[in-house]
Amino acid sequence: MSGGTEGAGGPGGSGDGPGAVGSSPGLSARDEAVLAVERRSWPGPGPKERAIRERLGISPTRYYQLLNALLDDPRALAHDPVTVNRLRRVRDARRARR
């Protein structure tokens, strides 16, 4: 994976323009990889953070920034509705506890 794409564009990370949501066929490869990491079950934070660094070449902090943006992206919902809806429920429950 290329490590130089961290700051490219919005939630898609591929430089997609604002109108790209309706016209884009899908997510970038990095966005799909973020969802794939989140789809897995992890025994704890250590192995997951290690996988984030090794597979995606980004920091865990950047990973969670990208993931949070993906949860609001309709393309992510279309790509993996089970994972996105589960994560939205978790996020909403955390916000409600604050």
N, C-alpha and C. Protein backbone atom coordinates (compact mmCIF):
# COMPACT_ATOMS: atom_id res chain seq x y z
N MET A 1 0.84 -1.18 0.00
CA MET A 1 0.00 0.00 0.00
C MET A 1 0.88 1.23 0.00
N SER A 2 0.43 2.27 -0.64
CA SER A 2 1.22 3.49 -0.65
C SER A 2 0.95 4.29 0.61
N GLY A 3 1.99 4.81 1.21
CA GLY A 3 1.84 5.56 2.45
C GLY A 3 1.67 7.05 2.24
N GLY A 4 1.75 7.52 1.00
CA GLY A 4 1.72 8.94 0.75
C GLY A 4 0.36 9.52 0.46
N THR A 5 -0.71 8.78 0.70
CA THR A 5 -2.04 9.27 0.35
C THR A 5 -2.84 9.71 1.54
N GLU A 6 -2.22 9.84 2.72
CA GLU A 6 -2.96 10.17 3.93
C GLU A 6 -3.76 11.44 3.81
N GLY A 7 -3.22 12.49 3.24
CA GLY A 7 -3.91 13.76 3.24
C GLY A 7 -4.70 14.04 1.97
N ALA A 8 -4.93 13.06 1.13
CA ALA A 8 -5.57 13.30 -0.15
C ALA A 8 -7.08 13.32 -0.05
N GLY A 9 -7.66 14.45 -0.30
CA GLY A 9 -9.10 14.54 -0.44
C GLY A 9 -9.88 14.39 0.83
N GLY A 10 -11.18 14.14 0.68
CA GLY A 10 -12.10 14.02 1.79
C GLY A 10 -12.20 12.60 2.27
N PRO A 11 -13.42 12.16 2.67
CA PRO A 11 -13.57 10.83 3.22
C PRO A 11 -13.11 9.74 2.28
N GLY A 12 -13.21 9.96 0.98
CA GLY A 12 -12.77 8.96 0.02
C GLY A 12 -11.27 8.85 -0.06
N GLY A 13 -10.58 9.93 0.29
CA GLY A 13 -9.14 9.91 0.32
C GLY A 13 -8.51 9.87 -1.05
N SER A 14 -9.30 9.86 -2.11
CA SER A 14 -8.72 9.74 -3.44
C SER A 14 -8.85 11.02 -4.23
N GLY A 15 -9.18 12.14 -3.54
CA GLY A 15 -9.30 13.40 -4.22
C GLY A 15 -10.64 13.57 -4.90
N ASP A 16 -11.62 12.75 -4.56
CA ASP A 16 -12.95 12.86 -5.16
C ASP A 16 -13.54 14.22 -4.85
N GLY A 17 -14.17 14.83 -5.82
CA GLY A 17 -14.79 16.14 -5.64
C GLY A 17 -16.08 16.03 -4.85
N PRO A 18 -16.67 17.16 -4.47
CA PRO A 18 -17.87 17.14 -3.67
C PRO A 18 -19.03 16.45 -4.35
N GLY A 19 -19.11 16.46 -5.67
CA GLY A 19 -20.21 15.82 -6.37
C GLY A 19 -19.96 14.36 -6.64
N ALA A 20 -18.85 13.82 -6.15
CA ALA A 20 -18.47 12.45 -6.50
C ALA A 20 -19.31 11.40 -5.80
N VAL A 21 -20.02 11.75 -4.74
CA VAL A 21 -20.79 10.75 -4.01
C VAL A 21 -21.80 10.08 -4.91
N GLY A 22 -22.55 10.85 -5.69
CA GLY A 22 -23.55 10.27 -6.55
C GLY A 22 -22.98 9.69 -7.82
N SER A 23 -21.84 10.19 -8.29
CA SER A 23 -21.31 9.77 -9.57
C SER A 23 -20.20 8.73 -9.45
N SER A 24 -19.64 8.55 -8.27
CA SER A 24 -18.55 7.61 -8.08
C SER A 24 -19.09 6.20 -7.96
N PRO A 25 -18.48 5.23 -8.64
CA PRO A 25 -18.98 3.86 -8.55
C PRO A 25 -18.74 3.22 -7.19
N GLY A 26 -17.79 3.70 -6.43
CA GLY A 26 -17.52 3.07 -5.14
C GLY A 26 -16.44 3.79 -4.38
N LEU A 27 -15.93 3.07 -3.40
CA LEU A 27 -14.92 3.61 -2.50
C LEU A 27 -13.52 3.41 -3.07
N SER A 28 -12.58 4.16 -2.52
CA SER A 28 -11.18 3.95 -2.88
C SER A 28 -10.71 2.64 -2.27
N ALA A 29 -9.60 2.14 -2.76
CA ALA A 29 -9.05 0.90 -2.22
C ALA A 29 -8.71 1.05 -0.74
N ARG A 30 -8.21 2.23 -0.35
CA ARG A 30 -7.88 2.44 1.05
C ARG A 30 -9.13 2.42 1.93
N ASP A 31 -10.20 3.06 1.45
CA ASP A 31 -11.44 3.05 2.22
C ASP A 31 -11.99 1.63 2.38
N GLU A 32 -11.91 0.84 1.33
CA GLU A 32 -12.35 -0.55 1.42
C GLU A 32 -11.48 -1.32 2.40
N ALA A 33 -10.18 -1.02 2.42
CA ALA A 33 -9.27 -1.70 3.35
C ALA A 33 -9.58 -1.31 4.80
N VAL A 34 -9.94 -0.04 5.04
CA VAL A 34 -10.33 0.40 6.38
C VAL A 34 -11.54 -0.38 6.85
N LEU A 35 -12.54 -0.50 5.99
CA LEU A 35 -13.74 -1.26 6.37
C LEU A 35 -13.42 -2.74 6.57
N ALA A 36 -12.50 -3.28 5.79
CA ALA A 36 -12.13 -4.68 5.94
C ALA A 36 -11.46 -4.93 7.29
N VAL A 37 -10.61 -4.00 7.73
CA VAL A 37 -9.98 -4.13 9.05
C VAL A 37 -11.06 -4.09 10.13
N GLU A 38 -12.00 -3.20 9.98
CA GLU A 38 -13.04 -3.03 10.99
C GLU A 38 -14.02 -4.21 11.00
N ARG A 39 -14.16 -4.88 9.89
CA ARG A 39 -15.06 -6.03 9.77
C ARG A 39 -14.57 -7.22 10.61
N ARG A 40 -13.27 -7.32 10.77
CA ARG A 40 -12.68 -8.44 11.52
C ARG A 40 -12.92 -8.31 13.00
N SER A 41 -12.84 -9.44 13.68
CA SER A 41 -12.89 -9.47 15.14
C SER A 41 -11.45 -9.48 15.65
N TRP A 42 -11.15 -8.63 16.63
CA TRP A 42 -9.78 -8.50 17.13
C TRP A 42 -9.74 -8.89 18.61
N PRO A 43 -8.69 -9.58 19.04
CA PRO A 43 -8.59 -9.98 20.45
C PRO A 43 -8.31 -8.81 21.38
N GLY A 44 -7.85 -7.72 20.86
CA GLY A 44 -7.54 -6.55 21.68
C GLY A 44 -7.01 -5.44 20.81
N PRO A 45 -6.71 -4.29 21.41
CA PRO A 45 -6.26 -3.15 20.61
C PRO A 45 -4.86 -3.32 20.01
N GLY A 46 -3.99 -4.06 20.65
CA GLY A 46 -2.62 -4.19 20.16
C GLY A 46 -2.53 -4.80 18.76
N PRO A 47 -3.10 -5.98 18.55
CA PRO A 47 -3.02 -6.58 17.22
C PRO A 47 -3.72 -5.74 16.14
N LYS A 48 -4.81 -5.10 16.50
CA LYS A 48 -5.52 -4.27 15.52
C LYS A 48 -4.67 -3.07 15.13
N GLU A 49 -4.07 -2.40 16.11
CA GLU A 49 -3.22 -1.25 15.80
C GLU A 49 -2.02 -1.66 14.96
N ARG A 50 -1.45 -2.81 15.26
CA ARG A 50 -0.32 -3.31 14.48
C ARG A 50 -0.76 -3.57 13.03
N ALA A 51 -1.93 -4.17 12.85
CA ALA A 51 -2.44 -4.44 11.51
C ALA A 51 -2.71 -3.14 10.75
N ILE A 52 -3.22 -2.14 11.44
CA ILE A 52 -3.48 -0.84 10.81
C ILE A 52 -2.18 -0.26 10.27
N ARG A 53 -1.14 -0.29 11.09
CA ARG A 53 0.15 0.26 10.66
C ARG A 53 0.76 -0.55 9.51
N GLU A 54 0.70 -1.88 9.61
CA GLU A 54 1.34 -2.74 8.61
C GLU A 54 0.56 -2.79 7.30
N ARG A 55 -0.74 -2.96 7.37
CA ARG A 55 -1.55 -3.14 6.16
C ARG A 55 -1.89 -1.83 5.46
N LEU A 56 -2.16 -0.80 6.25
CA LEU A 56 -2.60 0.46 5.66
C LEU A 56 -1.51 1.51 5.61
N GLY A 57 -0.48 1.35 6.41
CA GLY A 57 0.62 2.31 6.42
C GLY A 57 0.25 3.66 7.01
N ILE A 58 -0.72 3.66 7.92
CA ILE A 58 -1.15 4.90 8.57
C ILE A 58 -1.20 4.68 10.07
N SER A 59 -1.25 5.78 10.81
CA SER A 59 -1.33 5.67 12.27
C SER A 59 -2.75 5.29 12.68
N PRO A 60 -2.90 4.68 13.83
CA PRO A 60 -4.25 4.38 14.33
C PRO A 60 -5.13 5.64 14.46
N THR A 61 -4.53 6.76 14.83
CA THR A 61 -5.31 8.00 14.92
C THR A 61 -5.89 8.38 13.57
N ARG A 62 -5.08 8.33 12.53
CA ARG A 62 -5.55 8.65 11.17
C ARG A 62 -6.59 7.62 10.73
N TYR A 63 -6.39 6.37 11.07
CA TYR A 63 -7.34 5.31 10.74
C TYR A 63 -8.72 5.64 11.29
N TYR A 64 -8.78 6.02 12.56
CA TYR A 64 -10.07 6.30 13.17
C TYR A 64 -10.70 7.58 12.61
N GLN A 65 -9.88 8.53 12.18
CA GLN A 65 -10.42 9.71 11.50
C GLN A 65 -11.08 9.32 10.18
N LEU A 66 -10.39 8.48 9.42
CA LEU A 66 -10.93 8.00 8.15
C LEU A 66 -12.19 7.17 8.37
N LEU A 67 -12.14 6.30 9.37
CA LEU A 67 -13.29 5.44 9.66
C LEU A 67 -14.50 6.27 10.03
N ASN A 68 -14.32 7.27 10.87
CA ASN A 68 -15.44 8.11 11.29
C ASN A 68 -16.05 8.82 10.08
N ALA A 69 -15.23 9.30 9.18
CA ALA A 69 -15.74 9.94 7.97
C ALA A 69 -16.48 8.93 7.09
N LEU A 70 -15.98 7.72 7.01
CA LEU A 70 -16.63 6.69 6.21
C LEU A 70 -18.03 6.36 6.73
N LEU A 71 -18.23 6.45 8.02
CA LEU A 71 -19.53 6.11 8.59
C LEU A 71 -20.62 7.06 8.09
N ASP A 72 -20.23 8.23 7.63
CA ASP A 72 -21.19 9.20 7.10
C ASP A 72 -21.22 9.21 5.57
N ASP A 73 -20.48 8.32 4.94
CA ASP A 73 -20.38 8.28 3.48
C ASP A 73 -21.37 7.25 2.94
N PRO A 74 -22.32 7.66 2.10
CA PRO A 74 -23.29 6.71 1.55
C PRO A 74 -22.65 5.58 0.75
N ARG A 75 -21.48 5.84 0.16
CA ARG A 75 -20.80 4.78 -0.59
C ARG A 75 -20.33 3.67 0.33
N ALA A 76 -19.90 4.04 1.54
CA ALA A 76 -19.48 3.03 2.52
C ALA A 76 -20.68 2.19 2.95
N LEU A 77 -21.81 2.84 3.17
CA LEU A 77 -23.02 2.11 3.55
C LEU A 77 -23.42 1.14 2.45
N ALA A 78 -23.34 1.56 1.20
CA ALA A 78 -23.68 0.69 0.08
C ALA A 78 -22.69 -0.47 -0.04
N HIS A 79 -21.42 -0.21 0.25
CA HIS A 79 -20.37 -1.23 0.12
C HIS A 79 -20.46 -2.29 1.21
N ASP A 80 -20.70 -1.88 2.45
CA ASP A 80 -20.71 -2.81 3.58
C ASP A 80 -21.74 -2.36 4.62
N PRO A 81 -23.02 -2.55 4.34
CA PRO A 81 -24.06 -2.03 5.23
C PRO A 81 -24.03 -2.63 6.64
N VAL A 82 -23.67 -3.89 6.76
CA VAL A 82 -23.66 -4.52 8.09
C VAL A 82 -22.62 -3.86 8.98
N THR A 83 -21.40 -3.72 8.48
CA THR A 83 -20.33 -3.12 9.27
C THR A 83 -20.61 -1.65 9.56
N VAL A 84 -21.02 -0.90 8.55
CA VAL A 84 -21.26 0.53 8.74
C VAL A 84 -22.40 0.76 9.73
N ASN A 85 -23.48 0.02 9.61
CA ASN A 85 -24.60 0.20 10.54
C ASN A 85 -24.22 -0.20 11.96
N ARG A 86 -23.42 -1.26 12.11
CA ARG A 86 -22.96 -1.66 13.45
C ARG A 86 -22.11 -0.55 14.07
N LEU A 87 -21.20 -0.01 13.29
CA LEU A 87 -20.32 1.04 13.79
C LEU A 87 -21.08 2.33 14.08
N ARG A 88 -22.09 2.63 13.28
CA ARG A 88 -22.92 3.80 13.56
C ARG A 88 -23.64 3.64 14.89
N ARG A 89 -24.15 2.44 15.16
CA ARG A 89 -24.84 2.20 16.44
C ARG A 89 -23.88 2.38 17.61
N VAL A 90 -22.66 1.85 17.48
CA VAL A 90 -21.65 2.00 18.54
C VAL A 90 -21.32 3.47 18.74
N ARG A 91 -21.11 4.19 17.66
CA ARG A 91 -20.78 5.62 17.74
C ARG A 91 -21.92 6.40 18.39
N ASP A 92 -23.15 6.11 17.98
CA ASP A 92 -24.30 6.82 18.54
C ASP A 92 -24.46 6.53 20.03
N ALA A 93 -24.22 5.29 20.44
CA ALA A 93 -24.32 4.93 21.87
C ALA A 93 -23.26 5.67 22.68
N ARG A 94 -22.05 5.78 22.15
CA ARG A 94 -20.98 6.52 22.84
C ARG A 94 -21.33 7.99 22.96
N ARG A 95 -21.88 8.55 21.91
CA ARG A 95 -22.26 9.97 21.96
C ARG A 95 -23.38 10.20 22.97
N ALA A 96 -24.31 9.27 23.06
CA ALA A 96 -25.42 9.41 23.98
C ALA A 96 -24.97 9.34 25.45
N ARG A 97 -23.87 8.61 25.71
CA ARG A 97 -23.36 8.50 27.09
C ARG A 97 -22.63 9.74 27.54
N ARG A 98 -22.23 10.61 26.61
CA ARG A 98 -21.46 11.82 26.97
C ARG A 98 -22.33 12.90 27.52
